[in-house]
C-alpha cells in the first residue's frame, strides 16, 4: 500500500515579491503626497494630502494581500485579483507608486492568478 502523500503548497515567490514591492512603492508615493500637501498651505495641495492618504491605504491593502498570499497560497486567484484592482485604483487615484508600482502590482497579480500548485 503506497504511503499517502500530502501536497504542501509553496507560495508563488515572484508574485509575492512583486506585490510587496508594489505596495511599498504606492505607500512611499502616498506619503510623499501627504508631506507635500501638508507643507504647502494652499487649498489644492490639501487635496493632494487626501490623495496621499488613499495611496497609503491602497498600498497597505497590497501588502496585506501579499502577506496573505505567502501564508495562504490556495487563495491565489482572489488575492491576485484584489491586487490588480488596488493597483489600477492607485494608478487612477494616487499616482500608482510612481507608475512602476502599479505596473508591478498588476504583474504580481497576474502571476498570482496563473500560478499552479
Protein backbone atom coordinates (compact mmCIF):
# COMPACT_ATOMS: atom_id res chain seq x y z
CA UNK A 1 0.00 0.00 0.00
CA UNK A 2 1.59 3.29 -1.05
CA UNK A 3 2.10 5.91 1.58
CA UNK A 4 -0.33 8.76 1.29
CA UNK A 5 1.40 11.99 0.41
CA UNK A 6 0.07 15.40 1.22
CA UNK A 7 0.93 18.23 -1.08
CA UNK A 8 2.42 21.22 0.65
CA UNK A 9 1.80 24.25 -1.50
CA UNK A 10 4.71 26.62 -1.77
CA UNK A 11 3.68 30.22 -2.32
CA UNK A 12 4.33 31.88 -5.67
CA UNK A 13 7.57 33.70 -4.91
CA UNK A 14 7.70 36.02 -7.93
CA UNK A 15 4.12 37.19 -7.41
CA UNK A 16 4.78 37.70 -3.70
CA UNK A 17 7.88 39.83 -4.29
CA UNK A 18 6.23 41.95 -6.99
CA UNK A 19 3.18 42.54 -4.81
CA UNK A 20 5.34 43.54 -1.84
CA UNK A 21 7.42 45.96 -3.89
CA UNK A 22 4.30 47.45 -5.47
CA UNK A 23 2.72 48.02 -2.07
CA UNK A 24 5.86 49.67 -0.72
CA UNK A 25 6.14 51.98 -3.74
CA UNK A 26 2.49 53.00 -3.52
CA UNK A 27 2.88 53.74 0.21
CA UNK A 28 6.02 55.82 -0.40
CA UNK A 29 4.28 57.76 -3.16
CA UNK A 30 1.29 58.35 -0.89
CA UNK A 31 3.46 59.52 1.98
CA UNK A 32 5.26 61.94 -0.30
CA UNK A 33 1.91 63.33 -1.44
CA UNK A 34 0.86 63.79 2.17
CA UNK A 35 4.11 65.56 3.04
CA UNK A 36 3.89 67.94 0.10
CA UNK A 37 0.19 68.54 0.62
CA UNK A 38 0.61 69.40 4.28
CA UNK A 39 3.75 71.51 3.89
CA UNK A 40 2.23 73.87 1.34
CA UNK A 41 -0.71 75.75 2.79
CA UNK A 42 -2.73 76.06 -0.41
CA UNK A 43 -6.16 74.52 -0.90
CA UNK A 44 -5.17 72.46 -3.94
CA UNK A 45 -2.32 70.84 -2.01
CA UNK A 46 -4.74 69.85 0.75
CA UNK A 47 -6.43 67.67 -1.87
CA UNK A 48 -3.01 66.20 -2.57
CA UNK A 49 -2.81 65.14 1.06
CA UNK A 50 -6.13 63.33 0.70
CA UNK A 51 -4.82 61.59 -2.40
CA UNK A 52 -1.79 60.57 -0.37
CA UNK A 53 -3.97 59.00 2.32
CA UNK A 54 -5.76 57.00 -0.38
CA UNK A 55 -2.38 55.84 -1.69
CA UNK A 56 -1.21 54.74 1.74
CA UNK A 57 -4.41 52.77 2.29
CA UNK A 58 -4.21 51.07 -1.12
CA UNK A 59 -0.54 50.25 -0.59
CA UNK A 60 -1.37 48.75 2.79
CA UNK A 61 -4.02 46.63 1.11
CA UNK A 62 -1.43 45.39 -1.37
CA UNK A 63 0.96 44.50 1.46
CA UNK A 64 -1.83 42.67 3.27
CA UNK A 65 -2.72 40.71 0.14
CA UNK A 66 0.94 39.82 -0.44
CA UNK A 67 1.37 38.56 3.11
CA UNK A 68 -1.82 36.50 2.85
CA UNK A 69 -0.61 35.07 -0.47
CA UNK A 70 2.56 33.95 1.27
CA UNK A 71 0.68 32.34 4.16
CA UNK A 72 -2.33 31.00 2.22
CA UNK A 73 -1.32 30.16 -1.37
CA UNK A 74 -4.63 28.39 -2.01
CA UNK A 75 -6.32 31.81 -2.21
CA UNK A 76 -4.03 32.93 -5.04
CA UNK A 77 -6.79 33.81 -7.52
CA UNK A 78 -8.76 36.04 -5.14
CA UNK A 79 -5.66 37.77 -3.79
CA UNK A 80 -4.19 38.30 -7.25
CA UNK A 81 -7.42 39.88 -8.45
CA UNK A 82 -7.53 42.12 -5.37
CA UNK A 83 -4.01 43.38 -6.03
CA UNK A 84 -4.81 44.07 -9.68
CA UNK A 85 -7.85 46.13 -8.65
CA UNK A 86 -5.86 48.00 -5.98
CA UNK A 87 -3.03 48.66 -8.43
CA UNK A 88 -5.31 50.09 -11.08
CA UNK A 89 -7.19 52.15 -8.48
CA UNK A 90 -3.92 53.50 -7.11
CA UNK A 91 -2.84 54.43 -10.64
CA UNK A 92 -6.01 56.46 -11.15
CA UNK A 93 -6.42 57.89 -7.64
CA UNK A 94 -2.96 58.15 -6.12
CA UNK A 95 -0.22 58.19 -8.73
CA UNK A 96 0.27 54.43 -8.77
CA UNK A 97 3.51 54.30 -6.82
CA UNK A 98 5.45 56.34 -9.37
CA UNK A 99 3.56 54.34 -12.05
CA UNK A 100 6.07 51.47 -11.79
CA UNK A 101 4.44 50.36 -8.52
CA UNK A 102 1.12 49.98 -10.26
CA UNK A 103 2.71 48.04 -13.11
CA UNK A 104 4.46 45.74 -10.64
CA UNK A 105 1.19 45.19 -8.79
CA UNK A 106 -0.63 44.24 -11.98
CA UNK A 107 2.22 41.91 -12.94
CA UNK A 108 2.29 40.31 -9.50
CA UNK A 109 -1.47 39.91 -9.51
CA UNK A 110 -1.38 38.22 -12.90
CA UNK A 111 1.40 35.88 -11.75
CA UNK A 112 -0.62 35.03 -8.64
CA UNK A 113 -3.74 34.26 -10.69
CA UNK A 114 -2.00 31.98 -13.20
CA UNK A 115 0.15 30.21 -10.59
CA UNK A 116 -0.38 26.44 -10.34
CA UNK A 117 0.11 24.42 -7.18
